[in-house]
Amino acid sequence: MFHRGHWCPYCRINVTHWSDRRQDIAAAAGQVVIVTPERQEFAREFKSSSHAPFPILTDLDNGYALLLNLAIWLSPICRKFCRNATCRIITATTRGCFQFRRPSFVGKDGLVKAPFRRSGFSHRMDIEDLIAAFKKA
């Protein structure tokens, strides 16, 4: 699952939901791995503070997300927010934060199995839809 990073409250909430449902996910033959564009120190902080029971990996510069067509470019207004000194996004990534990733399910074969196309900063795929995607994959 692609996440924005440790600074994103919606990502933190999502990790909690995934953690609470990890038995259901395992029963559907799924395994959770979170991918974030943040440097390793921030990925470790995210894992520690969220108590995530699964790996959190780093995709510097969104290379993997771009390859899968899951990175979206931010509007000028969002870019201004990202430059805000109180927001730690810029320091957490290597080249800034002008792309976000769509929260989507990618299979073991590296292909997108359940893309999430709904726009909106706070929206995530419903956990039941993800479990169904695990079962289907």
Foldseek 3Di string as FASTA:
>chain_A
DEDAFQQDPLVLVVLVVCQVCVVLLVVLVHADEYEYQFDPVRLVVSCVVSVRPHHYYHDAPCPLQVVQVFKDFDDPVVQVVQVPPVRCSQVGGDHGPRIGGFDFDADPVSHTQGTDDDDDDNDHDDPVVVSVSSNVD
